[in-house]
Structures are given as C-alpha cells and as structure tokens.
Amino acid sequence: MKKLHDRAVFELIKLEEMTQLERKRALESLIFLVEKRDGRVSAQTYAKGSTQDEYITQEEAASPMEVTEVILITGVNEAKHLGDIMTLDIPNAFVQTPIPQDGDKVIMKIKEPLVNILCEICPGVYDNVVIK
C-alpha cells in the first residue's frame, strides 16, 4: 500500500463531488495480504471489475496477460536459434503506467481495512475519508 501511496496512484474524490452515475460505476478495491517466510507481509491490490459488466465489453476491460505456454515456447525457440533469453519483473508495472488525463477516469471505492492501512501509512491525508 505504501507503494501505491508514494507513487500517487490514488487521487481522493469527495463523495459529494461525484455524480450518481460515477458512484454506481465505481470499482471496489480488493486487497490480499500474504505473510512471507521471512515474516514480511506482501499485499496485492485489485479492482473488482464486475460492476463494469453492464457498460463495458469484455474486450475493453481485459488486461494483457502472459500465457506460460507461450513464454516457454518462445524461450525454447530462441534457445534453439542461439538467441539470448532474459526474463524480468517490473514491480507495479500497471501502477507506473501513465493514464491520459483527457480520458475517462477510473473511480475505485476504498473500504475498510484498506482505508485503515492508508491512514496508518500517511496520517492526515486519508483521515477525512468517509467510509460507506
């Protein structure tokens, strides 16, 4: 969550500034916490996209995703032709992707316990967030 806050992923919107349609279409945030073997806690935050089913087609809402078999086949093919093979992970790749300011904004509801975590990370910024 600290990464999301530090990278200014969220922009707070007051509930009274939102239209009825924006409130209805707001995506709900989901967070999954996992305790690693060394005791650190890792969090993954997702948007629950089922509220988009009414007004966004599956093709528009889909995120690009790798398929393990395709990655393996590509790697084998490159190795056969003596090509170089490298894999890497870009931490928070989607978070770091710039979103055009002139496009539709994505509104996400942040509920407990996520709000509580954000309040602990940055007291004062999220304290006035109303939890509905």
Protein backbone atom coordinates (compact mmCIF):
# COMPACT_ATOMS: atom_id res chain seq x y z
CA MET A 1 0.00 0.00 0.00
CA LYS A 2 2.89 2.34 0.71
CA LYS A 3 3.99 1.95 -2.92
CA LEU A 4 0.52 2.92 -4.13
CA HIS A 5 0.52 6.00 -1.90
CA ASP A 6 4.13 7.02 -2.67
CA ARG A 7 3.52 6.80 -6.42
CA ALA A 8 0.38 8.95 -6.08
CA VAL A 9 -1.82 6.28 -7.62
CA PHE A 10 -4.91 7.48 -5.80
CA GLU A 11 -6.47 10.91 -6.09
CA LEU A 12 -9.09 11.47 -3.43
CA ILE A 13 -12.56 12.46 -4.60
CA LYS A 14 -15.16 13.67 -2.15
CA LEU A 15 -18.38 11.70 -2.30
CA GLU A 16 -20.45 14.86 -2.72
CA GLU A 17 -18.42 15.82 -5.82
CA MET A 18 -19.35 12.58 -7.61
CA THR A 19 -22.35 12.15 -9.85
CA GLN A 20 -24.86 9.37 -9.18
CA LEU A 21 -23.55 7.53 -12.26
CA GLU A 22 -19.93 7.75 -11.03
CA ARG A 23 -20.97 6.38 -7.64
CA LYS A 24 -22.78 3.48 -9.28
CA ARG A 25 -19.87 2.63 -11.60
CA ALA A 26 -17.09 2.94 -9.02
CA LEU A 27 -14.96 -0.20 -8.78
CA GLU A 28 -14.48 -1.81 -5.41
CA SER A 29 -10.92 -2.38 -4.25
CA LEU A 30 -9.78 -5.77 -3.01
CA ILE A 31 -6.58 -6.38 -1.08
CA PHE A 32 -4.94 -9.73 -0.39
CA LEU A 33 -2.28 -9.98 2.29
CA VAL A 34 0.29 -12.78 2.40
CA GLU A 35 2.86 -13.32 5.11
CA LYS A 36 6.16 -14.35 3.59
CA ARG A 37 8.52 -16.91 5.15
CA ASP A 38 10.76 -14.16 6.50
CA GLY A 39 7.80 -12.53 8.30
CA ARG A 40 7.26 -9.63 5.89
CA VAL A 41 3.73 -9.01 4.70
CA SER A 42 3.10 -8.68 0.98
CA ALA A 43 -0.08 -7.06 -0.35
CA GLN A 44 -1.73 -7.31 -3.72
CA THR A 45 -4.46 -4.81 -4.56
CA TYR A 46 -7.02 -5.46 -7.26
CA ALA A 47 -10.11 -3.73 -8.59
CA LYS A 48 -13.31 -5.78 -8.58
CA GLY A 49 -14.39 -5.25 -12.16
CA SER A 50 -17.78 -6.98 -12.06
CA THR A 51 -19.53 -3.60 -11.76
CA GLN A 52 -18.30 -2.82 -15.29
CA ASP A 53 -20.20 -5.74 -16.84
CA GLU A 54 -23.25 -3.57 -17.59
CA TYR A 55 -21.47 -0.90 -19.63
CA ILE A 56 -18.00 -2.13 -20.73
CA THR A 57 -17.42 -5.03 -23.09
CA GLN A 58 -15.12 -7.88 -22.07
CA GLU A 59 -12.57 -6.86 -24.73
CA GLU A 60 -12.36 -3.28 -23.41
CA ALA A 61 -11.99 -4.38 -19.78
CA ALA A 62 -9.43 -7.15 -20.33
CA SER A 63 -5.83 -6.62 -19.26
CA PRO A 64 -2.95 -8.01 -21.28
CA MET A 65 -1.67 -11.18 -19.68
CA GLU A 66 1.14 -13.56 -20.42
CA VAL A 67 0.43 -17.20 -21.05
CA THR A 68 3.02 -19.56 -19.56
CA GLU A 69 2.98 -21.90 -22.56
CA VAL A 70 3.69 -19.03 -24.98
CA ILE A 71 6.60 -17.81 -22.85
CA LEU A 72 8.08 -21.33 -22.72
CA ILE A 73 7.67 -21.92 -26.47
CA THR A 74 9.25 -18.54 -27.25
CA GLY A 75 12.16 -19.32 -24.89
CA VAL A 76 12.74 -22.75 -26.44
CA ASN A 77 12.61 -21.27 -29.95
CA GLU A 78 15.14 -18.54 -29.05
CA ALA A 79 17.44 -21.06 -27.35
CA LYS A 80 17.30 -23.33 -30.41
CA HIS A 81 18.40 -20.42 -32.61
CA LEU A 82 21.11 -19.44 -30.06
CA GLY A 83 19.30 -16.27 -29.11
CA ASP A 84 19.64 -14.57 -25.76
CA ILE A 85 16.84 -15.17 -23.27
CA MET A 86 16.03 -12.94 -20.33
CA THR A 87 13.07 -12.67 -18.01
CA LEU A 88 12.33 -9.79 -15.69
CA ASP A 89 9.67 -8.46 -13.40
CA ILE A 90 8.66 -4.83 -13.45
CA PRO A 91 7.33 -4.13 -9.96
CA ASN A 92 3.97 -2.38 -10.02
CA ALA A 93 4.03 -2.12 -13.83
CA PHE A 94 0.36 -1.19 -14.11
CA VAL A 95 0.69 1.33 -11.28
CA GLN A 96 3.55 3.06 -13.08
CA THR A 97 1.72 3.28 -16.41
CA PRO A 98 0.64 6.86 -17.12
CA ILE A 99 -3.08 7.32 -17.71
CA PRO A 100 -4.14 10.03 -20.18
CA GLN A 101 -5.79 12.91 -18.34
CA ASP A 102 -8.30 13.53 -21.13
CA GLY A 103 -9.77 10.01 -20.97
CA ASP A 104 -12.38 8.52 -18.69
CA LYS A 105 -11.25 8.35 -15.08
CA VAL A 106 -11.35 5.11 -13.17
CA ILE A 107 -13.07 5.53 -9.83
CA MET A 108 -12.38 2.96 -7.16
CA LYS A 109 -14.08 2.63 -3.77
CA ILE A 110 -11.65 2.10 -0.96
CA LYS A 111 -13.24 0.49 2.08
CA GLU A 112 -12.02 -0.87 5.37
CA PRO A 113 -9.48 -2.35 6.11
CA LEU A 114 -7.70 -0.67 3.18
CA VAL A 115 -8.63 2.81 4.43
CA ASN A 116 -7.20 1.97 7.85
CA ILE A 117 -3.92 0.85 6.25
CA LEU A 118 -3.71 4.08 4.23
CA CYS A 119 -4.43 6.14 7.37
CA GLU A 120 -1.56 4.40 9.16
CA ILE A 121 0.81 4.97 6.22
CA CYS A 122 0.05 8.66 5.87
CA PRO A 123 -1.82 10.20 8.80
CA GLY A 124 -3.64 13.38 7.91
CA VAL A 125 -4.10 12.67 4.19
CA TYR A 126 -6.72 9.93 4.39
CA ASP A 127 -8.19 10.78 7.81
CA ASN A 128 -11.21 12.63 6.37
CA VAL A 129 -12.19 9.80 4.03
CA VAL A 130 -15.76 8.77 4.65
CA ILE A 131 -16.26 5.01 4.72
CA LYS A 132 -19.61 3.96 3.30
